[in-house]
PDB file of N, CA and C in Angstrom:
ATOM      1  N   MET A   1      -9.964 -12.592  -1.298  1.00  0.00           N
ATOM      2  CA  MET A   1     -10.349 -11.608  -0.745  1.00  0.00           C
ATOM      3  C   MET A   1     -12.434 -11.427  -0.194  1.00  0.00           C
ATOM      4  N   ASP A   2     -12.086 -12.939   0.289  1.00  0.00           N
ATOM      5  CA  ASP A   2     -13.639 -13.269   1.116  1.00  0.00           C
ATOM      6  C   ASP A   2     -13.163 -12.639   3.004  1.00  0.00           C
ATOM      7  N   ARG A   3     -12.394 -12.180   3.207  1.00  0.00           N
ATOM      8  CA  ARG A   3     -11.983 -11.923   4.609  1.00  0.00           C
ATOM      9  C   ARG A   3     -12.878 -10.143   4.657  1.00  0.00           C
ATOM     10  N   SER A   4     -13.086  -9.885   5.634  1.00  0.00           N
ATOM     11  CA  SER A   4     -13.903  -8.834   6.277  1.00  0.00           C
ATOM     12  C   SER A   4     -12.767  -7.978   6.744  1.00  0.00           C
ATOM     13  N   PHE A   5     -12.463  -6.130   7.075  1.00  0.00           N
ATOM     14  CA  PHE A   5     -12.251  -6.104   7.557  1.00  0.00           C
ATOM     15  C   PHE A   5     -11.870  -5.868   8.852  1.00  0.00           C
ATOM     16  N   PRO A   6     -13.088  -6.159   9.711  1.00  0.00           N
ATOM     17  CA  PRO A   6     -13.014  -6.724  11.338  1.00  0.00           C
ATOM     18  C   PRO A   6     -12.075  -8.182  10.987  1.00  0.00           C
ATOM     19  N   GLU A   7     -11.772  -8.965  10.625  1.00  0.00           N
ATOM     20  CA  GLU A   7     -11.241 -10.438  10.457  1.00  0.00           C
ATOM     21  C   GLU A   7      -9.880  -9.831  10.484  1.00  0.00           C
ATOM     22  N   ILE A   8      -9.608  -9.174   9.445  1.00  0.00           N
ATOM     23  CA  ILE A   8      -8.284  -8.789   8.675  1.00  0.00           C
ATOM     24  C   ILE A   8      -7.640  -7.599   9.940  1.00  0.00           C
ATOM     25  N   LEU A   9      -8.277  -6.561  10.319  1.00  0.00           N
ATOM     26  CA  LEU A   9      -7.788  -5.695  11.515  1.00  0.00           C
ATOM     27  C   LEU A   9      -7.422  -6.802  12.834  1.00  0.00           C
ATOM     28  N   SER A  10      -7.798  -7.692  13.119  1.00  0.00           N
ATOM     29  CA  SER A  10      -7.737  -8.702  14.257  1.00  0.00           C
ATOM     30  C   SER A  10      -6.328  -9.503  14.089  1.00  0.00           C
ATOM     31  N   SER A  11      -6.388 -10.408  12.812  1.00  0.00           N
ATOM     32  CA  SER A  11      -5.267 -11.141  12.087  1.00  0.00           C
ATOM     33  C   SER A  11      -4.104  -9.943  12.009  1.00  0.00           C
ATOM     34  N   LEU A  12      -3.815  -9.056  11.951  1.00  0.00           N
ATOM     35  CA  LEU A  12      -2.434  -8.268  11.770  1.00  0.00           C
ATOM     36  C   LEU A  12      -2.105  -8.143  12.796  1.00  0.00           C
ATOM     37  N   ARG A  13      -3.087  -7.899  13.695  1.00  0.00           N
ATOM     38  CA  ARG A  13      -2.511  -7.816  15.285  1.00  0.00           C
ATOM     39  C   ARG A  13      -2.084  -8.996  15.917  1.00  0.00           C
ATOM     40  N   ARG A  14      -2.550 -10.505  15.459  1.00  0.00           N
ATOM     41  CA  ARG A  14      -2.525 -11.351  15.831  1.00  0.00           C
ATOM     42  C   ARG A  14      -0.804 -11.740  15.183  1.00  0.00           C
ATOM     43  N   GLU A  15      -1.131 -11.582  14.184  1.00  0.00           N
ATOM     44  CA  GLU A  15       0.239 -11.985  13.361  1.00  0.00           C
ATOM     45  C   GLU A  15       1.389 -11.768  13.828  1.00  0.00           C
ATOM     46  N   ARG A  16       1.367 -10.021  14.376  1.00  0.00           N
ATOM     47  CA  ARG A  16       2.748  -9.620  15.118  1.00  0.00           C
ATOM     48  C   ARG A  16       2.709  -9.536  16.660  1.00  0.00           C
ATOM     49  N   LYS A  17       1.603 -10.981  17.009  1.00  0.00           N
ATOM     50  CA  LYS A  17       1.593 -10.523  18.849  1.00  0.00           C
ATOM     51  C   LYS A  17       1.428  -9.775  18.969  1.00  0.00           C
ATOM     52  N   ILE A  18       0.348  -8.624  19.036  1.00  0.00           N
ATOM     53  CA  ILE A  18       0.447  -8.106  19.964  1.00  0.00           C
ATOM     54  C   ILE A  18      -0.810  -7.691  20.105  1.00  0.00           C
ATOM     55  N   ASN A  19      -0.624  -7.259  21.727  1.00  0.00           N
ATOM     56  CA  ASN A  19      -2.271  -7.718  22.507  1.00  0.00           C
ATOM     57  C   ASN A  19      -3.070  -6.344  21.727  1.00  0.00           C
ATOM     58  N   GLN A  20      -4.076  -6.101  22.253  1.00  0.00           N
ATOM     59  CA  GLN A  20      -5.226  -5.430  22.223  1.00  0.00           C
ATOM     60  C   GLN A  20      -4.934  -4.074  22.685  1.00  0.00           C
ATOM     61  N   ARG A  21      -4.338  -3.865  23.615  1.00  0.00           N
ATOM     62  CA  ARG A  21      -4.000  -2.823  24.956  1.00  0.00           C
ATOM     63  C   ARG A  21      -3.241  -1.943  24.422  1.00  0.00           C
ATOM     64  N   THR A  22      -2.258  -2.611  23.402  1.00  0.00           N
ATOM     65  CA  THR A  22      -0.662  -2.272  22.813  1.00  0.00           C
ATOM     66  C   THR A  22      -1.165  -1.318  21.939  1.00  0.00           C
ATOM     67  N   ALA A  23      -1.915  -2.209  20.923  1.00  0.00           N
ATOM     68  CA  ALA A  23      -2.260  -1.701  19.694  1.00  0.00           C
ATOM     69  C   ALA A  23      -3.368  -0.682  19.842  1.00  0.00           C
ATOM     70  N   ALA A  24      -4.209  -0.640  20.568  1.00  0.00           N
ATOM     71  CA  ALA A  24      -4.971   0.455  20.953  1.00  0.00           C
ATOM     72  C   ALA A  24      -4.543   2.011  21.211  1.00  0.00           C
ATOM     73  N   SER A  25      -3.591   1.200  21.942  1.00  0.00           N
ATOM     74  CA  SER A  25      -2.539   2.887  22.525  1.00  0.00           C
ATOM     75  C   SER A  25      -1.765   3.070  21.483  1.00  0.00           C
ATOM     76  N   ASP A  26      -1.826   2.373  20.879  1.00  0.00           N
ATOM     77  CA  ASP A  26      -0.182   2.821  19.214  1.00  0.00           C
ATOM     78  C   ASP A  26      -1.324   3.669  18.425  1.00  0.00           C
ATOM     79  N   LEU A  27      -2.662   2.873  18.322  1.00  0.00           N
ATOM     80  CA  LEU A  27      -3.568   3.419  17.507  1.00  0.00           C
ATOM     81  C   LEU A  27      -3.995   4.704  17.690  1.00  0.00           C
ATOM     82  N   GLY A  28      -4.459   5.426  19.332  1.00  0.00           N
ATOM     83  CA  GLY A  28      -4.611   6.068  19.963  1.00  0.00           C
ATOM     84  C   GLY A  28      -6.211   6.091  20.083  1.00  0.00           C
ATOM     85  N   ILE A  29      -6.549   5.013  20.455  1.00  0.00           N
ATOM     86  CA  ILE A  29      -7.905   4.536  20.884  1.00  0.00           C
ATOM     87  C   ILE A  29      -8.149   3.761  22.371  1.00  0.00           C
ATOM     88  N   SER A  30      -8.989   3.553  22.258  1.00  0.00           N
ATOM     89  CA  SER A  30      -9.067   2.947  23.340  1.00  0.00           C
ATOM     90  C   SER A  30      -9.469   1.201  23.388  1.00  0.00           C
ATOM     91  N   GLN A  31      -8.475   0.399  24.265  1.00  0.00           N
ATOM     92  CA  GLN A  31      -8.540  -0.769  23.959  1.00  0.00           C
ATOM     93  C   GLN A  31     -10.417  -1.994  23.684  1.00  0.00           C
ATOM     94  N   ALA A  32     -11.209  -0.672  24.413  1.00  0.00           N
ATOM     95  CA  ALA A  32     -12.757  -1.249  23.928  1.00  0.00           C
ATOM     96  C   ALA A  32     -13.120  -1.026  22.676  1.00  0.00           C
ATOM     97  N   LEU A  33     -12.722   0.610  22.077  1.00  0.00           N
ATOM     98  CA  LEU A  33     -13.192   0.668  20.732  1.00  0.00           C
ATOM     99  C   LEU A  33     -12.360  -0.077  19.659  1.00  0.00           C
ATOM    100  N   LEU A  34     -11.204  -0.582  19.968  1.00  0.00           N
ATOM    101  CA  LEU A  34     -10.405  -1.509  19.195  1.00  0.00           C
ATOM    102  C   LEU A  34     -11.051  -2.908  19.091  1.00  0.00           C
ATOM    103  N   SER A  35     -11.609  -3.125  20.028  1.00  0.00           N
ATOM    104  CA  SER A  35     -12.382  -4.637  20.148  1.00  0.00           C
ATOM    105  C   SER A  35     -13.487  -4.381  19.278  1.00  0.00           C
ATOM    106  N   HIS A  36     -14.595  -3.503  19.366  1.00  0.00           N
ATOM    107  CA  HIS A  36     -15.518  -3.012  18.819  1.00  0.00           C
ATOM    108  C   HIS A  36     -14.919  -3.024  17.122  1.00  0.00           C
ATOM    109  N   TYR A  37     -14.107  -2.813  16.543  1.00  0.00           N
ATOM    110  CA  TYR A  37     -13.548  -2.537  15.493  1.00  0.00           C
ATOM    111  C   TYR A  37     -13.292  -4.086  15.417  1.00  0.00           C
ATOM    112  N   GLU A  38     -12.364  -5.153  15.757  1.00  0.00           N
ATOM    113  CA  GLU A  38     -12.161  -5.983  15.677  1.00  0.00           C
ATOM    114  C   GLU A  38     -13.476  -7.344  15.106  1.00  0.00           C
ATOM    115  N   ASN A  39     -14.588  -6.793  16.124  1.00  0.00           N
ATOM    116  CA  ASN A  39     -15.339  -7.999  16.152  1.00  0.00           C
ATOM    117  C   ASN A  39     -16.712  -7.564  15.720  1.00  0.00           C
ATOM    118  N   GLY A  40     -16.053  -6.373  14.170  1.00  0.00           N
ATOM    119  CA  GLY A  40     -17.980  -5.904  13.809  1.00  0.00           C
ATOM    120  C   GLY A  40     -19.069  -5.098  14.342  1.00  0.00           C
ATOM    121  N   ALA A  41     -18.789  -4.597  15.235  1.00  0.00           N
ATOM    122  CA  ALA A  41     -19.748  -4.059  16.328  1.00  0.00           C
ATOM    123  C   ALA A  41     -19.835  -2.436  15.860  1.00  0.00           C
ATOM    124  N   ARG A  42     -18.362  -1.743  15.722  1.00  0.00           N
ATOM    125  CA  ARG A  42     -18.219  -0.692  15.202  1.00  0.00           C
ATOM    126  C   ARG A  42     -17.700  -0.587  13.719  1.00  0.00           C
ATOM    127  N   GLU A  43     -17.821   0.181  13.089  1.00  0.00           N
ATOM    128  CA  GLU A  43     -16.880   0.990  11.909  1.00  0.00           C
ATOM    129  C   GLU A  43     -15.943   1.968  12.205  1.00  0.00           C
ATOM    130  N   PRO A  44     -14.865   2.230  11.822  1.00  0.00           N
ATOM    131  CA  PRO A  44     -13.832   3.191  11.513  1.00  0.00           C
ATOM    132  C   PRO A  44     -14.053   4.583  10.435  1.00  0.00           C
ATOM    133  N   GLY A  45     -13.709   5.444  11.317  1.00  0.00           N
ATOM    134  CA  GLY A  45     -13.444   6.474   9.934  1.00  0.00           C
ATOM    135  C   GLY A  45     -12.182   6.271   9.803  1.00  0.00           C
ATOM    136  N   LEU A  46     -12.639   7.271   8.699  1.00  0.00           N
ATOM    137  CA  LEU A  46     -11.157   6.792   7.662  1.00  0.00           C
ATOM    138  C   LEU A  46      -9.729   7.688   8.561  1.00  0.00           C
ATOM    139  N   GLY A  47     -10.099   8.356   8.773  1.00  0.00           N
ATOM    140  CA  GLY A  47      -8.435   8.767  10.220  1.00  0.00           C
ATOM    141  C   GLY A  47      -7.980   7.375  10.832  1.00  0.00           C
ATOM    142  N   PHE A  48      -9.105   6.481  11.433  1.00  0.00           N
ATOM    143  CA  PHE A  48      -8.431   5.252  12.242  1.00  0.00           C
ATOM    144  C   PHE A  48      -7.804   4.486  11.389  1.00  0.00           C
ATOM    145  N   VAL A  49      -8.811   4.141   9.652  1.00  0.00           N
ATOM    146  CA  VAL A  49      -7.849   3.496   8.553  1.00  0.00           C
ATOM    147  C   VAL A  49      -6.896   3.828   8.140  1.00  0.00           C
ATOM    148  N   CYS A  50      -6.499   4.745   8.493  1.00  0.00           N
ATOM    149  CA  CYS A  50      -4.817   5.658   7.535  1.00  0.00           C
ATOM    150  C   CYS A  50      -3.702   5.246   8.328  1.00  0.00           C
ATOM    151  N   ARG A  51      -4.614   5.497   9.571  1.00  0.00           N
ATOM    152  CA  ARG A  51      -3.786   5.399  10.466  1.00  0.00           C
ATOM    153  C   ARG A  51      -3.098   3.003  11.025  1.00  0.00           C
ATOM    154  N   ALA A  52      -4.045   2.780  11.022  1.00  0.00           N
ATOM    155  CA  ALA A  52      -4.085   0.986  10.712  1.00  0.00           C
ATOM    156  C   ALA A  52      -3.345   0.596   9.936  1.00  0.00           C
ATOM    157  N   CYS A  53      -3.437   1.447   8.741  1.00  0.00           N
ATOM    158  CA  CYS A  53      -2.786   0.914   7.171  1.00  0.00           C
ATOM    159  C   CYS A  53      -0.778   1.574   7.885  1.00  0.00           C
ATOM    160  N   ASP A  54      -0.861   2.346   8.228  1.00  0.00           N
ATOM    161  CA  ASP A  54       1.060   2.855   8.365  1.00  0.00           C
ATOM    162  C   ASP A  54       1.070   2.156   9.691  1.00  0.00           C
ATOM    163  N   TYR A  55       0.324   1.795  10.428  1.00  0.00           N
ATOM    164  CA  TYR A  55       0.396   1.192  11.721  1.00  0.00           C
ATOM    165  C   TYR A  55       1.101  -0.428  11.196  1.00  0.00           C
ATOM    166  N   TYR A  56       0.346  -0.419  10.474  1.00  0.00           N
ATOM    167  CA  TYR A  56       0.568  -2.472  10.245  1.00  0.00           C
ATOM    168  C   TYR A  56       1.162  -2.441   9.389  1.00  0.00           C
ATOM    169  N   GLY A  57       1.376  -1.345   7.779  1.00  0.00           N
ATOM    170  CA  GLY A  57       2.161  -1.321   6.530  1.00  0.00           C
ATOM    171  C   GLY A  57       1.660  -2.054   6.062  1.00  0.00           C
ATOM    172  N   VAL A  58       0.444  -1.977   5.774  1.00  0.00           N
ATOM    173  CA  VAL A  58      -0.381  -2.022   4.679  1.00  0.00           C
ATOM    174  C   VAL A  58      -1.372  -1.341   3.934  1.00  0.00           C
ATOM    175  N   THR A  59      -1.754  -1.690   2.460  1.00  0.00           N
ATOM    176  CA  THR A  59      -2.682  -0.528   2.299  1.00  0.00           C
ATOM    177  C   THR A  59      -3.703  -0.626   2.494  1.00  0.00           C
ATOM    178  N   ALA A  60      -4.712   0.555   2.009  1.00  0.00           N
ATOM    179  CA  ALA A  60      -6.049   0.494   2.529  1.00  0.00           C
ATOM    180  C   ALA A  60      -6.709  -0.517   1.811  1.00  0.00           C
ATOM    181  N   ASP A  61      -6.317  -1.153   0.622  1.00  0.00           N
ATOM    182  CA  ASP A  61      -7.161  -2.075  -0.168  1.00  0.00           C
ATOM    183  C   ASP A  61      -7.242  -3.454   0.808  1.00  0.00           C
ATOM    184  N   TYR A  62      -5.867  -3.645   0.923  1.00  0.00           N
ATOM    185  CA  TYR A  62      -6.147  -4.734   1.818  1.00  0.00           C
ATOM    186  C   TYR A  62      -6.562  -4.797   3.066  1.00  0.00           C
ATOM    187  N   LEU A  63      -6.395  -3.906   3.838  1.00  0.00           N
ATOM    188  CA  LEU A  63      -7.038  -3.959   5.140  1.00  0.00           C
ATOM    189  C   LEU A  63      -8.782  -3.889   4.615  1.00  0.00           C
ATOM    190  N   LEU A  64      -9.223  -3.001   3.742  1.00  0.00           N
ATOM    191  CA  LEU A  64     -10.371  -2.903   3.738  1.00  0.00           C
ATOM    192  C   LEU A  64     -10.954  -4.389   2.975  1.00  0.00           C
ATOM    193  N   GLY A  65     -10.000  -5.276   2.555  1.00  0.00           N
ATOM    194  CA  GLY A  65     -10.261  -6.739   2.129  1.00  0.00           C
ATOM    195  C   GLY A  65     -10.754  -6.868   0.219  1.00  0.00           C
ATOM    196  N   ARG A  66     -10.604  -5.501   0.060  1.00  0.00           N
ATOM    197  CA  ARG A  66     -10.164  -5.596  -1.499  1.00  0.00           C
ATOM    198  C   ARG A  66      -9.670  -5.949  -2.407  1.00  0.00           C
ATOM    199  N   SER A  67      -8.334  -6.563  -1.857  1.00  0.00           N
ATOM    200  CA  SER A  67      -7.162  -6.859  -2.338  1.00  0.00           C
ATOM    201  C   SER A  67      -6.569  -7.702  -1.380  1.00  0.00           C
ATOM    202  N   ASP A  68      -5.973  -8.490  -1.819  1.00  0.00           N
ATOM    203  CA  ASP A  68      -5.256  -9.905  -1.621  1.00  0.00           C
ATOM    204  C   ASP A  68      -3.738 -10.085  -1.129  1.00  0.00           C
ATOM    205  N   ARG A  69      -3.760  -9.035  -1.650  1.00  0.00           N
ATOM    206  CA  ARG A  69      -1.985  -8.452  -1.194  1.00  0.00           C
ATOM    207  C   ARG A  69      -1.524  -7.175  -0.740  1.00  0.00           C
ATOM    208  N   PRO A  70      -1.002  -7.425   0.846  1.00  0.00           N
ATOM    209  CA  PRO A  70      -1.460  -6.275   1.917  1.00  0.00           C
ATOM    210  C   PRO A  70       0.039  -5.144   1.186  1.00  0.00           C
ATOM    211  N   ASP A  71       0.315  -5.069  -0.018  1.00  0.00           N
ATOM    212  CA  ASP A  71       1.289  -4.419  -0.739  1.00  0.00           C
ATOM    213  C   ASP A  71       1.143  -3.683  -2.262  1.00  0.00           C
ATOM    214  N   ALA A  72      -0.050  -4.180  -2.576  1.00  0.00           N
ATOM    215  CA  ALA A  72      -0.208  -4.224  -3.706  1.00  0.00           C
ATOM    216  C   ALA A  72      -0.437  -2.331  -4.751  1.00  0.00           C
ATOM    217  N   ALA A  73      -0.044  -1.759  -3.574  1.00  0.00           N
ATOM    218  CA  ALA A  73      -0.195  -0.116  -4.107  1.00  0.00           C
ATOM    219  C   ALA A  73       0.921  -0.275  -4.235  1.00  0.00           C
ATOM    220  N   ARG A  74       2.243  -0.124  -3.473  1.00  0.00           N
ATOM    221  CA  ARG A  74       3.408  -0.142  -3.601  1.00  0.00           C
ATOM    222  C   ARG A  74       4.018  -0.676  -4.849  1.00  0.00           C
ATOM    223  N   SER A  75       3.145  -2.510  -4.864  1.00  0.00           N
ATOM    224  CA  SER A  75       3.977  -2.587  -6.256  1.00  0.00           C
ATOM    225  C   SER A  75       3.331  -2.467  -7.582  1.00  0.00           C
ATOM    226  N   ALA A  76       2.547  -1.546  -7.568  1.00  0.00           N
ATOM    227  CA  ALA A  76       1.530  -0.651  -8.706  1.00  0.00           C
ATOM    228  C   ALA A  76       2.345  -0.063  -9.058  1.00  0.00           C
ATOM    229  N   ALA A  77       2.765   0.818  -8.139  1.00  0.00           N
ATOM    230  CA  ALA A  77       4.215   2.141  -8.439  1.00  0.00           C
ATOM    231  C   ALA A  77       5.493   1.703  -8.885  1.00  0.00           C
ATOM    232  N   ASP A  78       5.879   0.416  -8.466  1.00  0.00           N
ATOM    233  CA  ASP A  78       6.893  -0.318  -8.953  1.00  0.00           C
ATOM    234  C   ASP A  78       6.807  -0.547 -10.177  1.00  0.00           C
ATOM    235  N   THR A  79       6.219  -0.916 -10.618  1.00  0.00           N
ATOM    236  CA  THR A  79       5.900  -1.482 -12.025  1.00  0.00           C
ATOM    237  C   THR A  79       5.571   0.250 -12.970  1.00  0.00           C
ATOM    238  N   ALA A  80       4.915   0.822 -12.193  1.00  0.00           N
ATOM    239  CA  ALA A  80       4.498   1.589 -13.457  1.00  0.00           C
ATOM    240  C   ALA A  80       6.641   2.578 -13.320  1.00  0.00           C
ATOM    241  N   LEU A  81       6.777   3.019 -12.163  1.00  0.00           N
ATOM    242  CA  LEU A  81       8.371   3.577 -12.565  1.00  0.00           C
ATOM    243  C   LEU A  81       8.732   2.633 -13.203  1.00  0.00           C
ATOM    244  N   ALA A  82       9.243   1.137 -13.556  1.00  0.00           N
ATOM    245  CA  ALA A  82       9.793  -0.061 -13.918  1.00  0.00           C
ATOM    246  C   ALA A  82       9.923   0.340 -15.633  1.00  0.00           C
ATOM    247  N   ALA A  83       8.495   0.696 -15.998  1.00  0.00           N
ATOM    248  CA  ALA A  83       8.437   0.895 -17.254  1.00  0.00           C
ATOM    249  C   ALA A  83       8.268   2.448 -17.794  1.00  0.00           C
ATOM    250  N   LEU A  84       8.283   3.283 -16.792  1.00  0.00           N
ATOM    251  CA  LEU A  84       8.598   4.417 -17.240  1.00  0.00           C
ATOM    252  C   LEU A  84       9.955   4.631 -17.608  1.00  0.00           C
ATOM    253  N   GLY A  85      10.870   3.539 -16.399  1.00  0.00           N
ATOM    254  CA  GLY A  85      12.375   3.540 -16.787  1.00  0.00           C
ATOM    255  C   GLY A  85      12.227   2.790 -18.275  1.00  0.00           C
ATOM    256  N   ALA A  86      11.846   2.020 -19.045  1.00  0.00           N
ATOM    257  CA  ALA A  86      11.455   1.466 -19.925  1.00  0.00           C
ATOM    258  C   ALA A  86      11.778   1.976 -21.239  1.00  0.00           C
ATOM    259  N   VAL A  87      10.620   2.561 -20.850  1.00  0.00           N
ATOM    260  CA  VAL A  87      10.157   4.444 -21.891  1.00  0.00           C
ATOM    261  C   VAL A  87      11.100   5.428 -22.465  1.00  0.00           C
ATOM    262  N   GLU A  88      12.009   5.078 -21.204  1.00  0.00           N
ATOM    263  CA  GLU A  88      13.567   6.852 -21.438  1.00  0.00           C
ATOM    264  C   GLU A  88      14.533   6.326 -21.641  1.00  0.00           C
ATOM    265  N   ALA A  89      14.501   4.739 -21.608  1.00  0.00           N
ATOM    266  CA  ALA A  89      16.189   3.999 -22.176  1.00  0.00           C
ATOM    267  C   ALA A  89      16.244   4.085 -23.754  1.00  0.00           C
ATOM    268  N   ARG A  90      13.996   3.659 -23.967  1.00  0.00           N
ATOM    269  CA  ARG A  90      14.095   4.028 -25.618  1.00  0.00           C
ATOM    270  C   ARG A  90      14.274   5.293 -25.995  1.00  0.00           C
ATOM    271  N   ILE A  91      13.614   6.093 -25.206  1.00  0.00           N
ATOM    272  CA  ILE A  91      14.218   7.045 -25.669  1.00  0.00           C
ATOM    273  C   ILE A  91      15.447   7.738 -26.420  1.00  0.00           C
ATOM    274  N   THR A  92      15.905   7.334 -25.498  1.00  0.00           N
ATOM    275  CA  THR A  92      17.720   7.542 -25.439  1.00  0.00           C
ATOM    276  C   THR A  92      17.977   6.938 -27.006  1.00  0.00           C
ATOM    277  N   GLU A  93      18.040   5.643 -26.998  1.00  0.00           N
ATOM    278  CA  GLU A  93      18.498   5.224 -27.409  1.00  0.00           C
ATOM    279  C   GLU A  93      18.021   5.591 -29.206  1.00  0.00           C
ATOM    280  N   ALA A  94      16.192   5.698 -29.244  1.00  0.00           N
ATOM    281  CA  ALA A  94      15.710   6.330 -30.283  1.00  0.00           C
ATOM    282  C   ALA A  94      16.800   7.555 -30.718  1.00  0.00           C
ATOM    283  N   ARG A  95      17.388   8.487 -29.751  1.00  0.00           N
ATOM    284  CA  ARG A  95      17.501   9.885 -30.182  1.00  0.00           C
ATOM    285  C   ARG A  95      19.186   9.731 -30.865  1.00  0.00           C
ATOM    286  N   ALA A  96      19.810   9.055 -29.723  1.00  0.00           N
ATOM    287  CA  ALA A  96      20.839   8.355 -30.826  1.00  0.00           C
ATOM    288  C   ALA A  96      20.839   7.577 -31.879  1.00  0.00           C
ATOM    289  N   ALA A  97      20.129   6.971 -32.356  1.00  0.00           N
ATOM    290  CA  ALA A  97      20.029   6.528 -33.774  1.00  0.00           C
ATOM    291  C   ALA A  97      19.910   7.369 -34.369  1.00  0.00           C
ATOM    292  N   LEU A  98      18.866   8.114 -34.445  1.00  0.00           N
ATOM    293  CA  LEU A  98      18.468   9.227 -35.691  1.00  0.00           C
ATOM    294  C   LEU A  98      19.724  10.527 -35.382  1.00  0.00           C
ATOM    295  N   GLY A  99      20.296  10.571 -34.023  1.00  0.00           N
ATOM    296  CA  GLY A  99      21.629  11.342 -34.484  1.00  0.00           C
ATOM    297  C   GLY A  99      22.349  10.223 -35.374  1.00  0.00           C
ATOM    298  N   GLU A 100      23.078   9.421 -35.040  1.00  0.00           N
ATOM    299  CA  GLU A 100      24.059   8.694 -36.091  1.00  0.00           C
ATOM    300  C   GLU A 100      23.459   8.826 -37.439  1.00  0.00           C
ATOM    301  N   TYR A 101      22.048   8.428 -38.032  1.00  0.00           N
ATOM    302  CA  TYR A 101      21.683   8.786 -38.979  1.00  0.00           C
ATOM    303  C   TYR A 101      21.650   9.976 -39.696  1.00  0.00           C
ATOM    304  N   THR A 102      21.459  11.542 -39.142  1.00  0.00           N
ATOM    305  CA  THR A 102      21.090  12.342 -39.364  1.00  0.00           C
ATOM    306  C   THR A 102      22.683  13.671 -39.479  1.00  0.00           C
ATOM    307  N   GLY A 103      23.225  12.755 -38.671  1.00  0.00           N
ATOM    308  CA  GLY A 103      25.131  13.069 -38.427  1.00  0.00           C
ATOM    309  C   GLY A 103      24.365  14.673 -37.242  1.00  0.00           C
ATOM    310  N   LYS A 104      23.883  14.552 -36.607  1.00  0.00           N
ATOM    311  CA  LYS A 104      23.333  15.666 -35.546  1.00  0.00           C
ATOM    312  C   LYS A 104      22.983  14.880 -34.300  1.00  0.00           C
ATOM    313  N   GLU A 105      23.302  15.940 -33.660  1.00  0.00           N
ATOM    314  CA  GLU A 105      23.092  15.259 -31.835  1.00  0.00           C
ATOM    315  C   GLU A 105      21.565  16.004 -32.157  1.00  0.00           C
ATOM    316  N   GLN A 106      20.842  14.606 -31.233  1.00  0.00           N
ATOM    317  CA  GLN A 106      19.445  15.457 -30.397  1.00  0.00           C
ATOM    318  C   GLN A 106      19.412  15.439 -29.136  1.00  0.00           C
ATOM    319  N   GLU A 107      18.544  16.854 -29.231  1.00  0.00           N
ATOM    320  CA  GLU A 107      18.436  17.390 -27.714  1.00  0.00           C
ATOM    321  C   GLU A 107      17.559  16.140 -27.155  1.00  0.00           C
ATOM    322  N   ALA A 108      17.501  16.746 -25.612  1.00  0.00           N
ATOM    323  CA  ALA A 108      17.158  15.673 -24.638  1.00  0.00           C
ATOM    324  C   ALA A 108      15.334  15.953 -24.774  1.00  0.00           C
TER     325      ALA A 108
END
């Protein structure tokens, strides 16, 4: 996490082999403004950060240098959904076991 926003923004564009003119046009800004963002001369607003995250398919934490993982938020959501699924499975098992013990089917 030693990289800055300008470095990350520039490297994302170069990794995808997109020139500044194309990226700027796709992001709805001028090439000069994108150059300023990439060299650290100017800081973007939140709207641009959101568009850039969508454009490059990364999280804001990654783009802003707060995470080394471009997909950290998605990964956290997947982990939470998996944990929820495991809890739901345990509840279903517990209801079935209770039903066997009491001889009554348990309501969901």
